[in-house]
């Protein structure tokens, strides 16, 4: 239970940056009842959770996914397959292979935060590793190329004033 709570805490803290998210979570097979004018539609419970804890609520999943979309600069259908009938994302489907890749990356960042960063004692990191740590708003992180450093010119070697004596 503690490990599961830590995993949820690590994953949600990983994704601390909120971004705009225009769609609601409709992972259940049935559709949520229509809301009255001026009321928000009830968010259904998520299904097919394989990395997030099974008790993660619909609003929690939406919050986490909003962070993913911002950290990667993508829309829902980058990882979620489109429903051919509605044209909307089918959040429960595993048809899009990017969803499996995202799950691996979620596990990776959680492991970095819970197993590796916790070993650092001096200084403790102020912020956890998130998708944005590497992706920085792009779907494919760019390869880090260190900036060129100017090397100081080598000081001319002091030549002896007189040539060495030969024997």
N, C-alpha and C. Protein backbone atom coordinates (compact mmCIF):
# COMPACT_ATOMS: atom_id res chain seq x y z
N UNK A 1 0.82 -1.19 0.00
CA UNK A 1 0.00 0.00 0.00
C UNK A 1 0.87 1.25 0.00
N UNK A 2 1.92 1.25 0.84
CA UNK A 2 2.80 2.41 0.90
C UNK A 2 3.51 2.59 -0.43
N UNK A 3 3.98 1.49 -1.02
CA UNK A 3 4.68 1.58 -2.31
C UNK A 3 3.75 2.12 -3.39
N UNK A 4 2.49 1.65 -3.38
CA UNK A 4 1.51 2.13 -4.36
C UNK A 4 1.24 3.61 -4.16
N UNK A 5 1.12 4.03 -2.92
CA UNK A 5 0.91 5.46 -2.63
C UNK A 5 2.11 6.27 -3.06
N UNK A 6 3.32 5.73 -2.81
CA UNK A 6 4.52 6.44 -3.24
C UNK A 6 4.59 6.53 -4.75
N UNK A 7 4.17 5.45 -5.44
CA UNK A 7 4.18 5.48 -6.90
C UNK A 7 3.22 6.53 -7.42
N UNK A 8 2.02 6.58 -6.87
CA UNK A 8 1.06 7.59 -7.30
C UNK A 8 1.59 8.98 -6.99
N UNK A 9 2.17 9.16 -5.80
CA UNK A 9 2.72 10.44 -5.44
C UNK A 9 3.86 10.81 -6.39
N UNK A 10 4.72 9.85 -6.68
CA UNK A 10 5.85 10.14 -7.58
C UNK A 10 5.35 10.48 -8.98
N UNK A 11 4.38 9.74 -9.47
CA UNK A 11 3.88 10.00 -10.82
C UNK A 11 3.16 11.34 -10.88
N UNK A 12 2.34 11.63 -9.88
CA UNK A 12 1.63 12.91 -9.93
C UNK A 12 2.58 14.07 -9.70
N UNK A 13 3.60 13.87 -8.86
CA UNK A 13 4.56 14.96 -8.66
C UNK A 13 5.45 15.12 -9.88
N UNK A 14 5.64 14.03 -10.61
CA UNK A 14 6.40 14.10 -11.85
C UNK A 14 5.76 15.09 -12.81
N UNK A 15 4.49 15.15 -12.74
CA UNK A 15 3.73 15.86 -13.74
C UNK A 15 3.14 17.14 -13.18
N UNK A 16 3.94 17.92 -12.52
CA UNK A 16 3.45 19.09 -11.79
C UNK A 16 3.07 20.25 -12.70
N UNK A 17 3.47 20.23 -13.95
CA UNK A 17 3.19 21.34 -14.84
C UNK A 17 1.84 21.15 -15.52
N UNK A 18 0.90 22.03 -15.24
CA UNK A 18 -0.43 21.90 -15.83
C UNK A 18 -0.48 22.57 -17.19
N UNK A 19 -1.23 21.95 -18.12
CA UNK A 19 -1.43 22.54 -19.44
C UNK A 19 -2.89 22.42 -19.83
N UNK A 20 -3.27 23.11 -20.88
CA UNK A 20 -4.65 23.05 -21.34
C UNK A 20 -4.95 21.66 -21.87
N UNK A 21 -6.11 21.18 -21.56
CA UNK A 21 -6.53 19.85 -22.00
C UNK A 21 -7.99 19.98 -22.38
N UNK A 22 -8.28 19.84 -23.64
CA UNK A 22 -9.62 20.18 -24.11
C UNK A 22 -10.61 19.04 -24.06
N UNK A 23 -10.16 17.82 -23.80
CA UNK A 23 -11.08 16.71 -23.85
C UNK A 23 -11.18 16.06 -22.48
N UNK A 24 -12.30 15.46 -22.21
CA UNK A 24 -12.47 14.75 -20.94
C UNK A 24 -12.19 13.28 -21.15
N UNK A 25 -12.02 12.58 -20.06
CA UNK A 25 -11.68 11.17 -20.09
C UNK A 25 -12.94 10.34 -20.28
N UNK A 26 -12.98 9.56 -21.34
CA UNK A 26 -14.14 8.69 -21.58
C UNK A 26 -13.68 7.25 -21.74
N UNK A 27 -12.93 6.75 -20.78
CA UNK A 27 -12.36 5.43 -20.90
C UNK A 27 -13.35 4.31 -20.68
N UNK A 28 -14.46 4.56 -20.08
CA UNK A 28 -15.39 3.48 -19.86
C UNK A 28 -16.11 3.14 -21.15
N UNK A 29 -16.63 1.93 -21.24
CA UNK A 29 -17.28 1.52 -22.48
C UNK A 29 -18.59 2.28 -22.69
N UNK A 30 -19.28 2.61 -21.63
CA UNK A 30 -20.49 3.41 -21.76
C UNK A 30 -20.14 4.87 -21.74
N UNK A 31 -21.04 5.71 -22.21
CA UNK A 31 -20.73 7.13 -22.17
C UNK A 31 -21.34 7.73 -20.91
N UNK A 32 -20.72 8.79 -20.46
CA UNK A 32 -21.20 9.46 -19.25
C UNK A 32 -22.50 10.18 -19.57
N UNK A 33 -23.38 10.30 -18.60
CA UNK A 33 -24.63 10.99 -18.85
C UNK A 33 -24.39 12.45 -19.21
N UNK A 34 -25.23 12.96 -20.07
CA UNK A 34 -25.09 14.35 -20.49
C UNK A 34 -25.37 15.26 -19.30
N UNK A 35 -24.62 16.33 -19.22
CA UNK A 35 -24.80 17.27 -18.12
C UNK A 35 -25.84 18.30 -18.50
N UNK A 36 -26.50 18.80 -17.50
CA UNK A 36 -27.47 19.87 -17.72
C UNK A 36 -26.71 21.12 -18.12
N UNK A 37 -27.33 22.05 -18.83
CA UNK A 37 -26.64 23.29 -19.21
C UNK A 37 -26.06 23.97 -17.97
N UNK A 38 -24.81 24.39 -18.08
CA UNK A 38 -24.14 25.06 -16.98
C UNK A 38 -23.47 24.10 -16.00
N UNK A 39 -23.67 22.80 -16.18
CA UNK A 39 -23.04 21.81 -15.31
C UNK A 39 -22.02 21.01 -16.11
N UNK A 40 -20.99 20.60 -15.41
CA UNK A 40 -19.98 19.76 -16.05
C UNK A 40 -20.44 18.31 -16.07
N UNK A 41 -20.03 17.61 -17.10
CA UNK A 41 -20.34 16.19 -17.22
C UNK A 41 -19.51 15.43 -16.19
N UNK A 42 -20.09 14.40 -15.60
CA UNK A 42 -19.37 13.60 -14.63
C UNK A 42 -18.27 12.82 -15.36
N UNK A 43 -17.10 12.82 -14.77
CA UNK A 43 -15.96 12.12 -15.37
C UNK A 43 -16.04 10.65 -14.99
N UNK A 44 -16.07 9.76 -15.99
CA UNK A 44 -16.16 8.34 -15.66
C UNK A 44 -14.87 7.80 -15.05
N UNK A 45 -14.99 6.70 -14.36
CA UNK A 45 -13.83 6.03 -13.78
C UNK A 45 -12.96 5.50 -14.92
N UNK A 46 -11.66 5.63 -14.81
CA UNK A 46 -10.78 5.11 -15.87
C UNK A 46 -10.75 3.59 -15.87
N UNK A 47 -10.46 3.05 -17.04
CA UNK A 47 -10.31 1.60 -17.18
C UNK A 47 -8.98 1.33 -17.86
N UNK A 48 -8.52 0.09 -17.78
CA UNK A 48 -7.30 -0.36 -18.43
C UNK A 48 -6.06 0.37 -17.91
N UNK A 49 -6.03 0.64 -16.61
CA UNK A 49 -4.84 1.25 -16.02
C UNK A 49 -3.81 0.16 -15.76
N UNK A 50 -2.63 0.32 -16.33
CA UNK A 50 -1.58 -0.69 -16.17
C UNK A 50 -0.38 -0.16 -15.41
N UNK A 51 -0.20 1.14 -15.34
CA UNK A 51 0.91 1.73 -14.59
C UNK A 51 0.39 2.53 -13.41
N UNK A 52 -0.59 3.35 -13.63
CA UNK A 52 -1.19 4.11 -12.54
C UNK A 52 -1.94 3.14 -11.63
N UNK A 53 -2.01 3.44 -10.34
CA UNK A 53 -2.77 2.57 -9.43
C UNK A 53 -4.22 2.43 -9.87
N UNK A 54 -4.79 1.26 -9.68
CA UNK A 54 -6.17 0.97 -10.11
C UNK A 54 -7.19 1.90 -9.47
N UNK A 55 -6.87 2.46 -8.31
CA UNK A 55 -7.84 3.33 -7.64
C UNK A 55 -7.68 4.81 -8.04
N UNK A 56 -6.90 5.08 -9.07
CA UNK A 56 -6.76 6.45 -9.56
C UNK A 56 -8.11 6.90 -10.13
N UNK A 57 -8.55 8.07 -9.75
CA UNK A 57 -9.86 8.56 -10.19
C UNK A 57 -9.77 9.20 -11.57
N UNK A 58 -10.92 9.38 -12.19
CA UNK A 58 -10.97 10.05 -13.49
C UNK A 58 -10.34 11.43 -13.45
N UNK A 59 -10.70 12.29 -12.48
CA UNK A 59 -10.06 13.62 -12.42
C UNK A 59 -8.54 13.54 -12.23
N UNK A 60 -8.07 12.56 -11.46
CA UNK A 60 -6.62 12.41 -11.29
C UNK A 60 -5.94 12.03 -12.60
N UNK A 61 -6.56 11.11 -13.34
CA UNK A 61 -6.00 10.69 -14.63
C UNK A 61 -5.97 11.88 -15.58
N UNK A 62 -7.03 12.66 -15.62
CA UNK A 62 -7.07 13.83 -16.51
C UNK A 62 -5.96 14.80 -16.14
N UNK A 63 -5.76 15.04 -14.87
CA UNK A 63 -4.69 15.94 -14.43
C UNK A 63 -3.32 15.43 -14.88
N UNK A 64 -3.09 14.14 -14.71
CA UNK A 64 -1.82 13.53 -15.12
C UNK A 64 -1.64 13.65 -16.63
N UNK A 65 -2.69 13.34 -17.38
CA UNK A 65 -2.61 13.40 -18.84
C UNK A 65 -2.43 14.83 -19.35
N UNK A 66 -3.00 15.80 -18.67
CA UNK A 66 -2.78 17.20 -19.05
C UNK A 66 -1.30 17.54 -18.97
N UNK A 67 -0.66 17.04 -17.95
CA UNK A 67 0.77 17.29 -17.81
C UNK A 67 1.57 16.61 -18.91
N UNK A 68 1.17 15.38 -19.27
CA UNK A 68 1.84 14.70 -20.38
C UNK A 68 1.73 15.51 -21.66
N UNK A 69 0.53 15.97 -21.98
CA UNK A 69 0.34 16.69 -23.24
C UNK A 69 1.20 17.95 -23.27
N UNK A 70 1.34 18.62 -22.14
CA UNK A 70 2.17 19.82 -22.09
C UNK A 70 3.65 19.51 -22.15
N UNK A 71 4.07 18.51 -21.39
CA UNK A 71 5.49 18.16 -21.37
C UNK A 71 5.99 17.66 -22.72
N UNK A 72 5.09 17.04 -23.50
CA UNK A 72 5.49 16.49 -24.79
C UNK A 72 5.00 17.32 -25.97
N UNK A 73 4.17 18.32 -25.73
CA UNK A 73 3.67 19.15 -26.82
C UNK A 73 2.81 18.36 -27.80
N UNK A 74 2.02 17.43 -27.29
CA UNK A 74 1.20 16.56 -28.15
C UNK A 74 -0.25 16.62 -27.73
N UNK A 75 -1.10 16.01 -28.53
CA UNK A 75 -2.52 15.87 -28.22
C UNK A 75 -2.77 14.43 -27.78
N UNK A 76 -3.97 14.16 -27.31
CA UNK A 76 -4.33 12.84 -26.76
C UNK A 76 -4.04 11.70 -27.74
N UNK A 77 -4.33 11.93 -29.03
CA UNK A 77 -4.20 10.85 -30.00
C UNK A 77 -2.75 10.54 -30.36
N UNK A 78 -1.81 11.21 -29.76
CA UNK A 78 -0.41 10.83 -29.93
C UNK A 78 -0.20 9.45 -29.30
N UNK A 79 -0.84 9.19 -28.16
CA UNK A 79 -0.73 7.90 -27.49
C UNK A 79 -2.00 7.06 -27.55
N UNK A 80 -3.14 7.73 -27.64
CA UNK A 80 -4.42 7.02 -27.62
C UNK A 80 -4.97 6.86 -29.03
N UNK A 81 -5.46 5.65 -29.31
CA UNK A 81 -6.06 5.35 -30.62
C UNK A 81 -7.37 6.12 -30.77
N UNK A 82 -7.68 6.49 -32.01
CA UNK A 82 -8.96 7.15 -32.29
C UNK A 82 -10.04 6.09 -32.48
N UNK A 83 -11.21 6.38 -31.97
CA UNK A 83 -12.37 5.53 -32.19
C UNK A 83 -12.85 5.81 -33.61
N UNK A 84 -12.92 4.79 -34.45
CA UNK A 84 -13.29 5.02 -35.86
C UNK A 84 -14.72 5.52 -36.00
N UNK A 85 -15.60 5.17 -35.07
CA UNK A 85 -17.00 5.59 -35.15
C UNK A 85 -17.18 7.06 -34.76
N UNK A 86 -16.47 7.49 -33.72
CA UNK A 86 -16.68 8.85 -33.22
C UNK A 86 -15.59 9.82 -33.63
N UNK A 87 -14.41 9.30 -33.97
CA UNK A 87 -13.28 10.17 -34.30
C UNK A 87 -12.61 10.74 -33.06
N UNK A 88 -13.08 10.35 -31.89
CA UNK A 88 -12.52 10.82 -30.63
C UNK A 88 -11.56 9.77 -30.08
N UNK A 89 -10.68 10.16 -29.18
CA UNK A 89 -9.76 9.17 -28.60
C UNK A 89 -10.49 8.09 -27.83
N UNK A 90 -10.04 6.86 -28.00
CA UNK A 90 -10.54 5.74 -27.22
C UNK A 90 -9.46 5.49 -26.16
N UNK A 91 -9.66 6.06 -24.98
CA UNK A 91 -8.63 6.05 -23.96
C UNK A 91 -8.32 4.65 -23.43
N UNK A 92 -9.27 3.74 -23.46
CA UNK A 92 -9.04 2.40 -22.94
C UNK A 92 -8.30 1.50 -23.93
N UNK A 93 -8.32 1.81 -25.19
CA UNK A 93 -7.71 0.96 -26.22
C UNK A 93 -6.19 0.96 -26.12
N UNK A 94 -5.61 -0.20 -26.43
CA UNK A 94 -4.15 -0.33 -26.49
C UNK A 94 -3.67 -0.43 -27.94
N UNK A 95 -4.49 -0.02 -28.89
CA UNK A 95 -4.16 -0.16 -30.31
C UNK A 95 -2.99 0.71 -30.75
N UNK A 96 -2.76 1.84 -30.12
CA UNK A 96 -1.67 2.72 -30.52
C UNK A 96 -0.40 2.29 -29.77
N UNK A 97 0.66 1.89 -30.49
CA UNK A 97 1.89 1.42 -29.82
C UNK A 97 2.56 2.50 -28.98
N UNK A 98 2.27 3.77 -29.22
CA UNK A 98 2.87 4.83 -28.41
C UNK A 98 2.37 4.76 -26.96
N UNK A 99 1.22 4.17 -26.75
CA UNK A 99 0.69 4.04 -25.39
C UNK A 99 1.60 3.13 -24.56
N UNK A 100 2.08 2.04 -25.16
CA UNK A 100 3.01 1.17 -24.45
C UNK A 100 4.33 1.88 -24.17
N UNK A 101 4.79 2.67 -25.11
CA UNK A 101 6.02 3.43 -24.91
C UNK A 101 5.84 4.42 -23.77
N UNK A 102 4.69 5.08 -23.72
CA UNK A 102 4.40 6.04 -22.65
C UNK A 102 4.40 5.33 -21.29
N UNK A 103 3.87 4.13 -21.25
CA UNK A 103 3.85 3.38 -20.00
C UNK A 103 5.27 3.07 -19.52
N UNK A 104 6.14 2.71 -20.44
CA UNK A 104 7.54 2.44 -20.09
C UNK A 104 8.18 3.72 -19.55
N UNK A 105 7.92 4.84 -20.19
CA UNK A 105 8.50 6.11 -19.76
C UNK A 105 7.96 6.53 -18.39
N UNK A 106 6.68 6.26 -18.13
CA UNK A 106 6.11 6.56 -16.82
C UNK A 106 6.82 5.75 -15.73
N UNK A 107 7.06 4.47 -16.01
CA UNK A 107 7.76 3.62 -15.05
C UNK A 107 9.19 4.12 -14.84
N UNK A 108 9.83 4.53 -15.94
CA UNK A 108 11.20 5.01 -15.85
C UNK A 108 11.30 6.25 -14.96
N UNK A 109 10.44 7.25 -15.20
CA UNK A 109 10.52 8.47 -14.40
C UNK A 109 10.16 8.19 -12.94
N UNK A 110 9.21 7.29 -12.72
CA UNK A 110 8.85 6.95 -11.34
C UNK A 110 10.04 6.28 -10.64
N UNK A 111 10.71 5.38 -11.34
CA UNK A 111 11.88 4.70 -10.75
C UNK A 111 12.99 5.69 -10.47
N UNK A 112 13.24 6.60 -11.38
CA UNK A 112 14.28 7.61 -11.15
C UNK A 112 13.96 8.41 -9.89
N UNK A 113 12.72 8.82 -9.76
CA UNK A 113 12.33 9.64 -8.61
C UNK A 113 12.30 8.88 -7.30
N UNK A 114 11.81 7.63 -7.32
CA UNK A 114 11.65 6.89 -6.07
C UNK A 114 12.87 6.10 -5.66
N UNK A 115 13.67 5.64 -6.61
CA UNK A 115 14.80 4.81 -6.26
C UNK A 115 16.15 5.50 -6.38
N UNK A 116 16.29 6.44 -7.28
CA UNK A 116 17.59 7.06 -7.49
C UNK A 116 17.70 8.43 -6.85
N UNK A 117 16.76 9.31 -7.12
CA UNK A 117 16.85 10.66 -6.54
C UNK A 117 16.74 10.62 -5.02
N UNK A 118 16.07 9.63 -4.48
CA UNK A 118 15.96 9.52 -3.03
C UNK A 118 17.29 9.15 -2.39
N UNK A 119 18.24 8.65 -3.17
CA UNK A 119 19.56 8.31 -2.64
C UNK A 119 20.47 9.52 -2.53
N UNK A 120 20.09 10.60 -3.19
CA UNK A 120 20.91 11.81 -3.11
C UNK A 120 20.60 12.51 -1.80
N UNK A 121 21.62 12.73 -1.02
CA UNK A 121 21.39 13.35 0.28
C UNK A 121 21.91 14.77 0.33
N UNK A 122 22.83 15.12 -0.54
CA UNK A 122 23.41 16.45 -0.48
C UNK A 122 23.67 16.96 -1.88
N UNK A 123 22.93 17.85 -2.40
CA UNK A 123 21.64 18.34 -1.90
C UNK A 123 20.51 17.49 -2.44
N UNK A 124 19.39 17.51 -1.75
CA UNK A 124 18.19 16.83 -2.24
C UNK A 124 17.67 17.61 -3.44
N UNK A 125 17.22 16.91 -4.48
CA UNK A 125 16.67 17.64 -5.63
C UNK A 125 15.38 18.36 -5.24
N UNK A 126 15.23 19.58 -5.73
CA UNK A 126 14.04 20.36 -5.41
C UNK A 126 12.83 19.90 -6.22
N UNK A 127 13.08 19.41 -7.41
CA UNK A 127 11.98 19.00 -8.27
C UNK A 127 12.25 17.60 -8.80
N UNK A 128 11.18 16.83 -9.00
CA UNK A 128 11.36 15.48 -9.52
C UNK A 128 11.61 15.51 -11.03
N UNK A 129 12.07 14.39 -11.54
CA UNK A 129 12.21 14.22 -12.98
C UNK A 129 10.81 14.05 -13.55
N UNK A 130 10.50 14.74 -14.63
CA UNK A 130 9.21 14.61 -15.31
C UNK A 130 9.48 14.34 -16.78
N UNK A 131 8.42 14.13 -17.52
CA UNK A 131 8.55 13.96 -18.97
C UNK A 131 9.22 15.20 -19.56
N UNK A 132 8.86 16.36 -19.03
CA UNK A 132 9.41 17.61 -19.54
C UNK A 132 10.89 17.78 -19.28
N UNK A 133 11.45 17.02 -18.34
CA UNK A 133 12.88 17.12 -18.06
C UNK A 133 13.69 16.84 -19.34
N UNK A 134 13.28 15.86 -20.09
CA UNK A 134 13.98 15.52 -21.34
C UNK A 134 13.25 16.03 -22.58
N UNK A 135 11.94 15.93 -22.59
CA UNK A 135 11.18 16.27 -23.80
C UNK A 135 11.07 17.77 -24.03
N UNK A 136 10.96 18.55 -22.98
CA UNK A 136 10.89 20.01 -23.07
C UNK A 136 9.90 20.51 -24.12
N UNK A 137 8.71 19.90 -24.09
CA UNK A 137 7.64 20.34 -24.98
C UNK A 137 7.66 19.76 -26.37
N UNK A 138 8.50 18.77 -26.62
CA UNK A 138 8.54 18.14 -27.94
C UNK A 138 8.33 16.63 -27.78
N UNK A 139 7.73 16.01 -28.80
CA UNK A 139 7.44 14.59 -28.70
C UNK A 139 8.70 13.73 -28.72
N UNK A 140 9.72 14.18 -29.37
CA UNK A 140 11.00 13.46 -29.40
C UNK A 140 12.06 14.35 -28.76
N UNK A 141 12.65 13.90 -27.67
CA UNK A 141 13.68 14.76 -27.05
C UNK A 141 14.89 14.87 -27.97
N UNK A 142 15.47 16.04 -27.99
CA UNK A 142 16.65 16.22 -28.83
C UNK A 142 17.88 15.71 -28.09
N UNK A 143 18.86 15.32 -28.86
CA UNK A 143 20.11 14.84 -28.28
C UNK A 143 20.86 16.03 -27.71
N UNK A 144 21.36 15.88 -26.52
CA UNK A 144 22.11 16.96 -25.89
C UNK A 144 23.48 17.08 -26.53
N UNK A 145 23.79 18.26 -26.96
CA UNK A 145 25.11 18.54 -27.51
C UNK A 145 25.69 19.65 -26.64
N UNK A 146 26.74 19.35 -25.90
CA UNK A 146 27.30 20.38 -25.03
C UNK A 146 27.81 21.55 -25.86
N UNK A 147 27.67 22.76 -25.33
CA UNK A 147 28.17 23.91 -26.06
C UNK A 147 29.69 23.84 -26.18
N UNK A 148 30.20 24.36 -27.29
CA UNK A 148 31.64 24.37 -27.49
C UNK A 148 32.27 25.28 -26.44
N UNK A 149 33.36 24.83 -25.90
CA UNK A 149 34.08 25.65 -24.92
C UNK A 149 35.36 26.13 -25.56
N UNK A 150 35.64 27.38 -25.31
CA UNK A 150 36.91 27.91 -25.81
C UNK A 150 38.00 27.43 -24.87
N UNK A 151 39.00 26.88 -25.47
CA UNK A 151 40.13 26.44 -24.66
C UNK A 151 41.17 27.54 -24.68
N UNK A 152 41.75 27.81 -23.54
CA UNK A 152 42.77 28.86 -23.51
C UNK A 152 43.93 28.47 -24.41
N UNK A 153 44.44 29.46 -25.08
CA UNK A 153 45.59 29.20 -25.96
C UNK A 153 46.74 28.72 -25.10
N UNK A 154 47.44 27.72 -25.62
CA UNK A 154 48.57 27.19 -24.87
C UNK A 154 49.66 28.25 -24.81
N UNK A 155 50.20 28.41 -23.63
CA UNK A 155 51.28 29.40 -23.47
C UNK A 155 52.49 28.89 -24.25
N UNK A 156 53.14 29.80 -24.97
CA UNK A 156 54.32 29.35 -25.72
C UNK A 156 55.35 28.81 -24.75
N UNK A 157 55.94 27.68 -25.15
CA UNK A 157 56.93 27.08 -24.26
C UNK A 157 58.18 27.94 -24.29
N UNK A 158 58.73 28.10 -23.15
CA UNK A 158 59.94 28.93 -23.05
C UNK A 158 61.11 28.14 -23.63
N UNK A 159 61.67 28.65 -24.74
CA UNK A 159 62.81 27.99 -25.36
C UNK A 159 64.08 28.43 -24.64
N UNK A 160 65.00 27.51 -24.45
CA UNK A 160 66.24 27.92 -23.77
C UNK A 160 66.97 28.99 -24.60
N UNK A 161 67.57 29.91 -23.91
CA UNK A 161 68.28 31.00 -24.60
C UNK A 161 69.45 30.46 -25.40
N UNK A 162 70.08 29.46 -24.91
CA UNK A 162 71.21 28.88 -25.65
C UNK A 162 70.89 27.42 -25.93
N UNK A 163 71.29 26.95 -27.10
CA UNK A 163 71.02 25.57 -27.41
C UNK A 163 71.75 24.65 -26.44
N UNK A 164 71.16 23.48 -26.18
CA UNK A 164 71.84 22.56 -25.26
C UNK A 164 73.18 22.12 -25.83
N UNK A 165 74.09 21.91 -24.95
CA UNK A 165 75.45 21.53 -25.36
C UNK A 165 75.42 20.08 -25.88
N UNK A 166 76.11 19.84 -26.92
CA UNK A 166 76.17 18.49 -27.44
C UNK A 166 77.48 17.85 -27.04
N UNK A 167 77.50 16.62 -26.76
CA UNK A 167 78.72 15.92 -26.30
C UNK A 167 79.38 15.27 -27.41
